[in-house]
Amino acid sequence: MPRHVDELQNGEPFPVKPDTNEYEALSFLVRNREYGFRPSEIAERTAVSKASASKAMTRLFEKGLVKR
């Protein structure tokens, strides 16, 4: 049976804040969810530098939001 979205939240804020490199990378991945991308490929397609994309992907992985 479907549950209301409010019942699924545990009261904690979403772990990615808007206007951050993590947000840009995650947004890109969500828009292109049928594909996998390396950090360098994410950097080529967004306004995030290669180094920042790599760091952002590591943080997203540690938060359990992406898989390698």
PDB file of N, CA and C in Angstrom:
ATOM      1  N   MET A   1       0.847  -1.175   0.000  1.00  0.00           N
ATOM      2  CA  MET A   1       0.000   0.000   0.000  1.00  0.00           C
ATOM      3  C   MET A   1       0.896   1.243   0.000  1.00  0.00           C
ATOM      4  N   PRO A   2       0.595   2.210  -0.828  1.00  0.00           N
ATOM      5  CA  PRO A   2       1.404   3.432  -0.865  1.00  0.00           C
ATOM      6  C   PRO A   2       1.341   4.166   0.476  1.00  0.00           C
ATOM      7  N   ARG A   3       2.449   4.847   0.780  1.00  0.00           N
ATOM      8  CA  ARG A   3       2.514   5.640   2.006  1.00  0.00           C
ATOM      9  C   ARG A   3       2.739   7.098   1.633  1.00  0.00           C
ATOM     10  N   HIS A   4       2.180   7.978   2.428  1.00  0.00           N
ATOM     11  CA  HIS A   4       2.371   9.407   2.193  1.00  0.00           C
ATOM     12  C   HIS A   4       3.842   9.752   2.378  1.00  0.00           C
ATOM     13  N   VAL A   5       4.339  10.647   1.570  1.00  0.00           N
ATOM     14  CA  VAL A   5       5.756  11.012   1.602  1.00  0.00           C
ATOM     15  C   VAL A   5       6.181  11.519   2.976  1.00  0.00           C
ATOM     16  N   ASP A   6       5.301  12.197   3.707  1.00  0.00           N
ATOM     17  CA  ASP A   6       5.642  12.688   5.036  1.00  0.00           C
ATOM     18  C   ASP A   6       5.959  11.552   6.002  1.00  0.00           C
ATOM     19  N   GLU A   7       5.389  10.390   5.781  1.00  0.00           N
ATOM     20  CA  GLU A   7       5.654   9.242   6.632  1.00  0.00           C
ATOM     21  C   GLU A   7       7.029   8.644   6.360  1.00  0.00           C
ATOM     22  N   LEU A   8       7.586   8.915   5.215  1.00  0.00           N
ATOM     23  CA  LEU A   8       8.874   8.346   4.834  1.00  0.00           C
ATOM     24  C   LEU A   8      10.046   9.174   5.342  1.00  0.00           C
ATOM     25  N   GLN A   9       9.820  10.406   5.694  1.00  0.00           N
ATOM     26  CA  GLN A   9      10.894  11.273   6.154  1.00  0.00           C
ATOM     27  C   GLN A   9      11.167  11.019   7.630  1.00  0.00           C
ATOM     28  N   ASN A  10      12.430  11.027   7.994  1.00  0.00           N
ATOM     29  CA  ASN A  10      12.806  10.789   9.377  1.00  0.00           C
ATOM     30  C   ASN A  10      13.092  12.084  10.126  1.00  0.00           C
ATOM     31  N   GLY A  11      12.706  13.203   9.569  1.00  0.00           N
ATOM     32  CA  GLY A  11      12.913  14.483  10.225  1.00  0.00           C
ATOM     33  C   GLY A  11      14.264  15.123   9.947  1.00  0.00           C
ATOM     34  N   GLU A  12      15.158  14.405   9.306  1.00  0.00           N
ATOM     35  CA  GLU A  12      16.473  14.955   8.984  1.00  0.00           C
ATOM     36  C   GLU A  12      16.416  15.634   7.618  1.00  0.00           C
ATOM     37  N   PRO A  13      17.141  16.732   7.458  1.00  0.00           N
ATOM     38  CA  PRO A  13      17.150  17.402   6.154  1.00  0.00           C
ATOM     39  C   PRO A  13      17.867  16.548   5.104  1.00  0.00           C
ATOM     40  N   PHE A  14      17.537  16.783   3.852  1.00  0.00           N
ATOM     41  CA  PHE A  14      18.205  16.071   2.766  1.00  0.00           C
ATOM     42  C   PHE A  14      19.690  16.401   2.834  1.00  0.00           C
ATOM     43  N   PRO A  15      20.565  15.406   2.687  1.00  0.00           N
ATOM     44  CA  PRO A  15      21.999  15.617   2.913  1.00  0.00           C
ATOM     45  C   PRO A  15      22.750  16.409   1.846  1.00  0.00           C
ATOM     46  N   VAL A  16      22.065  16.887   0.825  1.00  0.00           N
ATOM     47  CA  VAL A  16      22.729  17.671  -0.226  1.00  0.00           C
ATOM     48  C   VAL A  16      22.035  19.021  -0.322  1.00  0.00           C
ATOM     49  N   LYS A  17      22.821  20.081  -0.167  1.00  0.00           N
ATOM     50  CA  LYS A  17      22.269  21.435  -0.214  1.00  0.00           C
ATOM     51  C   LYS A  17      22.329  21.989  -1.633  1.00  0.00           C
ATOM     52  N   PRO A  18      21.302  22.762  -2.027  1.00  0.00           N
ATOM     53  CA  PRO A  18      21.328  23.409  -3.345  1.00  0.00           C
ATOM     54  C   PRO A  18      22.542  24.327  -3.485  1.00  0.00           C
ATOM     55  N   ASP A  19      22.896  24.607  -4.709  1.00  0.00           N
ATOM     56  CA  ASP A  19      24.011  25.507  -5.039  1.00  0.00           C
ATOM     57  C   ASP A  19      25.356  25.000  -4.544  1.00  0.00           C
ATOM     58  N   THR A  20      25.516  23.665  -4.535  1.00  0.00           N
ATOM     59  CA  THR A  20      26.804  23.060  -4.193  1.00  0.00           C
ATOM     60  C   THR A  20      27.231  22.158  -5.346  1.00  0.00           C
ATOM     61  N   ASN A  21      28.494  21.787  -5.372  1.00  0.00           N
ATOM     62  CA  ASN A  21      28.970  20.862  -6.407  1.00  0.00           C
ATOM     63  C   ASN A  21      28.281  19.507  -6.286  1.00  0.00           C
ATOM     64  N   GLU A  22      28.023  19.071  -5.058  1.00  0.00           N
ATOM     65  CA  GLU A  22      27.308  17.807  -4.860  1.00  0.00           C
ATOM     66  C   GLU A  22      25.929  17.879  -5.507  1.00  0.00           C
ATOM     67  N   TYR A  23      25.247  18.987  -5.310  1.00  0.00           N
ATOM     68  CA  TYR A  23      23.919  19.174  -5.873  1.00  0.00           C
ATOM     69  C   TYR A  23      23.965  19.160  -7.400  1.00  0.00           C
ATOM     70  N   GLU A  24      24.942  19.869  -7.961  1.00  0.00           N
ATOM     71  CA  GLU A  24      25.086  19.903  -9.424  1.00  0.00           C
ATOM     72  C   GLU A  24      25.336  18.505  -9.977  1.00  0.00           C
ATOM     73  N   ALA A  25      26.248  17.770  -9.343  1.00  0.00           N
ATOM     74  CA  ALA A  25      26.570  16.422  -9.817  1.00  0.00           C
ATOM     75  C   ALA A  25      25.373  15.493  -9.667  1.00  0.00           C
ATOM     76  N   LEU A  26      24.709  15.534  -8.517  1.00  0.00           N
ATOM     77  CA  LEU A  26      23.561  14.661  -8.297  1.00  0.00           C
ATOM     78  C   LEU A  26      22.414  15.006  -9.240  1.00  0.00           C
ATOM     79  N   SER A  27      22.179  16.296  -9.452  1.00  0.00           N
ATOM     80  CA  SER A  27      21.127  16.715 -10.393  1.00  0.00           C
ATOM     81  C   SER A  27      21.420  16.200 -11.796  1.00  0.00           C
ATOM     82  N   PHE A  28      22.673  16.308 -12.207  1.00  0.00           N
ATOM     83  CA  PHE A  28      23.060  15.804 -13.523  1.00  0.00           C
ATOM     84  C   PHE A  28      22.805  14.291 -13.609  1.00  0.00           C
ATOM     85  N   LEU A  29      23.195  13.570 -12.565  1.00  0.00           N
ATOM     86  CA  LEU A  29      23.012  12.118 -12.572  1.00  0.00           C
ATOM     87  C   LEU A  29      21.542  11.728 -12.584  1.00  0.00           C
ATOM     88  N   VAL A  30      20.719  12.463 -11.876  1.00  0.00           N
ATOM     89  CA  VAL A  30      19.282  12.178 -11.867  1.00  0.00           C
ATOM     90  C   VAL A  30      18.692  12.423 -13.248  1.00  0.00           C
ATOM     91  N   ARG A  31      19.101  13.515 -13.886  1.00  0.00           N
ATOM     92  CA  ARG A  31      18.589  13.815 -15.235  1.00  0.00           C
ATOM     93  C   ARG A  31      19.035  12.768 -16.261  1.00  0.00           C
ATOM     94  N   ASN A  32      20.141  12.117 -16.004  1.00  0.00           N
ATOM     95  CA  ASN A  32      20.708  11.142 -16.940  1.00  0.00           C
ATOM     96  C   ASN A  32      20.823   9.774 -16.280  1.00  0.00           C
ATOM     97  N   ARG A  33      19.808   9.396 -15.509  1.00  0.00           N
ATOM     98  CA  ARG A  33      19.883   8.203 -14.652  1.00  0.00           C
ATOM     99  C   ARG A  33      20.025   6.887 -15.402  1.00  0.00           C
ATOM    100  N   GLU A  34      19.793   6.888 -16.690  1.00  0.00           N
ATOM    101  CA  GLU A  34      19.933   5.622 -17.416  1.00  0.00           C
ATOM    102  C   GLU A  34      21.387   5.323 -17.796  1.00  0.00           C
ATOM    103  N   TYR A  35      22.289   6.227 -17.435  1.00  0.00           N
ATOM    104  CA  TYR A  35      23.710   6.058 -17.767  1.00  0.00           C
ATOM    105  C   TYR A  35      24.580   6.209 -16.526  1.00  0.00           C
ATOM    106  N   GLY A  36      25.775   5.686 -16.595  1.00  0.00           N
ATOM    107  CA  GLY A  36      26.771   5.887 -15.546  1.00  0.00           C
ATOM    108  C   GLY A  36      27.852   6.825 -16.069  1.00  0.00           C
ATOM    109  N   PHE A  37      28.380   7.651 -15.199  1.00  0.00           N
ATOM    110  CA  PHE A  37      29.386   8.639 -15.597  1.00  0.00           C
ATOM    111  C   PHE A  37      30.549   8.642 -14.622  1.00  0.00           C
ATOM    112  N   ARG A  38      31.747   8.841 -15.142  1.00  0.00           N
ATOM    113  CA  ARG A  38      32.920   9.072 -14.301  1.00  0.00           C
ATOM    114  C   ARG A  38      32.909  10.542 -13.888  1.00  0.00           C
ATOM    115  N   PRO A  39      33.584  10.873 -12.781  1.00  0.00           N
ATOM    116  CA  PRO A  39      33.632  12.280 -12.370  1.00  0.00           C
ATOM    117  C   PRO A  39      34.124  13.215 -13.473  1.00  0.00           C
ATOM    118  N   SER A  40      35.095  12.779 -14.252  1.00  0.00           N
ATOM    119  CA  SER A  40      35.595  13.644 -15.330  1.00  0.00           C
ATOM    120  C   SER A  40      34.510  13.902 -16.379  1.00  0.00           C
ATOM    121  N   GLU A  41      33.666  12.922 -16.625  1.00  0.00           N
ATOM    122  CA  GLU A  41      32.570  13.102 -17.587  1.00  0.00           C
ATOM    123  C   GLU A  41      31.503  14.047 -17.031  1.00  0.00           C
ATOM    124  N   ILE A  42      31.269  13.957 -15.730  1.00  0.00           N
ATOM    125  CA  ILE A  42      30.323  14.878 -15.091  1.00  0.00           C
ATOM    126  C   ILE A  42      30.866  16.298 -15.202  1.00  0.00           C
ATOM    127  N   ALA A  43      32.159  16.463 -14.964  1.00  0.00           N
ATOM    128  CA  ALA A  43      32.781  17.784 -15.060  1.00  0.00           C
ATOM    129  C   ALA A  43      32.652  18.356 -16.467  1.00  0.00           C
ATOM    130  N   GLU A  44      32.827  17.523 -17.482  1.00  0.00           N
ATOM    131  CA  GLU A  44      32.733  17.983 -18.865  1.00  0.00           C
ATOM    132  C   GLU A  44      31.329  18.465 -19.215  1.00  0.00           C
ATOM    133  N   ARG A  45      30.324  17.951 -18.525  1.00  0.00           N
ATOM    134  CA  ARG A  45      28.936  18.245 -18.867  1.00  0.00           C
ATOM    135  C   ARG A  45      28.258  19.208 -17.891  1.00  0.00           C
ATOM    136  N   THR A  46      28.980  19.658 -16.876  1.00  0.00           N
ATOM    137  CA  THR A  46      28.431  20.592 -15.886  1.00  0.00           C
ATOM    138  C   THR A  46      29.420  21.728 -15.668  1.00  0.00           C
ATOM    139  N   ALA A  47      29.085  22.619 -14.742  1.00  0.00           N
ATOM    140  CA  ALA A  47      29.971  23.739 -14.402  1.00  0.00           C
ATOM    141  C   ALA A  47      30.916  23.381 -13.259  1.00  0.00           C
ATOM    142  N   VAL A  48      31.045  22.090 -12.959  1.00  0.00           N
ATOM    143  CA  VAL A  48      31.881  21.623 -11.858  1.00  0.00           C
ATOM    144  C   VAL A  48      33.249  21.223 -12.413  1.00  0.00           C
ATOM    145  N   SER A  49      34.323  21.639 -11.750  1.00  0.00           N
ATOM    146  CA  SER A  49      35.667  21.269 -12.194  1.00  0.00           C
ATOM    147  C   SER A  49      35.902  19.771 -11.972  1.00  0.00           C
ATOM    148  N   LYS A  50      36.921  19.225 -12.619  1.00  0.00           N
ATOM    149  CA  LYS A  50      37.222  17.796 -12.474  1.00  0.00           C
ATOM    150  C   LYS A  50      37.525  17.432 -11.026  1.00  0.00           C
ATOM    151  N   ALA A  51      38.347  18.238 -10.362  1.00  0.00           N
ATOM    152  CA  ALA A  51      38.699  17.950  -8.969  1.00  0.00           C
ATOM    153  C   ALA A  51      37.469  18.024  -8.070  1.00  0.00           C
ATOM    154  N   SER A  52      36.641  19.030  -8.282  1.00  0.00           N
ATOM    155  CA  SER A  52      35.438  19.186  -7.463  1.00  0.00           C
ATOM    156  C   SER A  52      34.428  18.084  -7.747  1.00  0.00           C
ATOM    157  N   ALA A  53      34.320  17.658  -8.993  1.00  0.00           N
ATOM    158  CA  ALA A  53      33.408  16.568  -9.337  1.00  0.00           C
ATOM    159  C   ALA A  53      33.843  15.282  -8.648  1.00  0.00           C
ATOM    160  N   SER A  54      35.128  15.036  -8.626  1.00  0.00           N
ATOM    161  CA  SER A  54      35.644  13.843  -7.959  1.00  0.00           C
ATOM    162  C   SER A  54      35.332  13.874  -6.467  1.00  0.00           C
ATOM    163  N   LYS A  55      35.572  15.010  -5.829  1.00  0.00           N
ATOM    164  CA  LYS A  55      35.278  15.151  -4.402  1.00  0.00           C
ATOM    165  C   LYS A  55      33.781  15.033  -4.133  1.00  0.00           C
ATOM    166  N   ALA A  56      32.975  15.651  -4.988  1.00  0.00           N
ATOM    167  CA  ALA A  56      31.526  15.592  -4.814  1.00  0.00           C
ATOM    168  C   ALA A  56      31.019  14.160  -4.941  1.00  0.00           C
ATOM    169  N   MET A  57      31.539  13.427  -5.896  1.00  0.00           N
ATOM    170  CA  MET A  57      31.108  12.039  -6.074  1.00  0.00           C
ATOM    171  C   MET A  57      31.509  11.182  -4.881  1.00  0.00           C
ATOM    172  N   THR A  58      32.680  11.428  -4.315  1.00  0.00           N
ATOM    173  CA  THR A  58      33.100  10.697  -3.116  1.00  0.00           C
ATOM    174  C   THR A  58      32.132  10.971  -1.974  1.00  0.00           C
ATOM    175  N   ARG A  59      31.766  12.227  -1.776  1.00  0.00           N
ATOM    176  CA  ARG A  59      30.830  12.574  -0.702  1.00  0.00           C
ATOM    177  C   ARG A  59      29.452  11.970  -0.953  1.00  0.00           C
ATOM    178  N   LEU A  60      28.989  11.992  -2.191  1.00  0.00           N
ATOM    179  CA  LEU A  60      27.689  11.397  -2.506  1.00  0.00           C
ATOM    180  C   LEU A  60      27.708   9.888  -2.266  1.00  0.00           C
ATOM    181  N   PHE A  61      28.814   9.248  -2.587  1.00  0.00           N
ATOM    182  CA  PHE A  61      28.958   7.809  -2.341  1.00  0.00           C
ATOM    183  C   PHE A  61      28.938   7.533  -0.843  1.00  0.00           C
ATOM    184  N   GLU A  62      29.668   8.327  -0.070  1.00  0.00           N
ATOM    185  CA  GLU A  62      29.721   8.145   1.377  1.00  0.00           C
ATOM    186  C   GLU A  62      28.349   8.350   2.026  1.00  0.00           C
ATOM    187  N   LYS A  63      27.528   9.185   1.432  1.00  0.00           N
ATOM    188  CA  LYS A  63      26.179   9.435   1.949  1.00  0.00           C
ATOM    189  C   LYS A  63      25.181   8.391   1.448  1.00  0.00           C
ATOM    190  N   GLY A  64      25.652   7.487   0.605  1.00  0.00           N
ATOM    191  CA  GLY A  64      24.786   6.440   0.088  1.00  0.00           C
ATOM    192  C   GLY A  64      23.837   6.880  -1.003  1.00  0.00           C
ATOM    193  N   LEU A  65      24.143   7.993  -1.660  1.00  0.00           N
ATOM    194  CA  LEU A  65      23.256   8.533  -2.696  1.00  0.00           C
ATOM    195  C   LEU A  65      23.614   8.071  -4.107  1.00  0.00           C
ATOM    196  N   VAL A  66      24.825   7.566  -4.288  1.00  0.00           N
ATOM    197  CA  VAL A  66      25.242   7.030  -5.583  1.00  0.00           C
ATOM    198  C   VAL A  66      26.032   5.747  -5.356  1.00  0.00           C
ATOM    199  N   LYS A  67      26.135   4.962  -6.426  1.00  0.00           N
ATOM    200  CA  LYS A  67      26.939   3.748  -6.403  1.00  0.00           C
ATOM    201  C   LYS A  67      28.090   3.910  -7.358  1.00  0.00           C
ATOM    202  N   ARG A  68      29.124   3.131  -7.128  1.00  0.00           N
ATOM    203  CA  ARG A  68      30.278   3.166  -8.039  1.00  0.00           C
ATOM    204  C   ARG A  68      30.155   2.096  -9.066  1.00  0.00           C
TER     205      ARG A  68
END
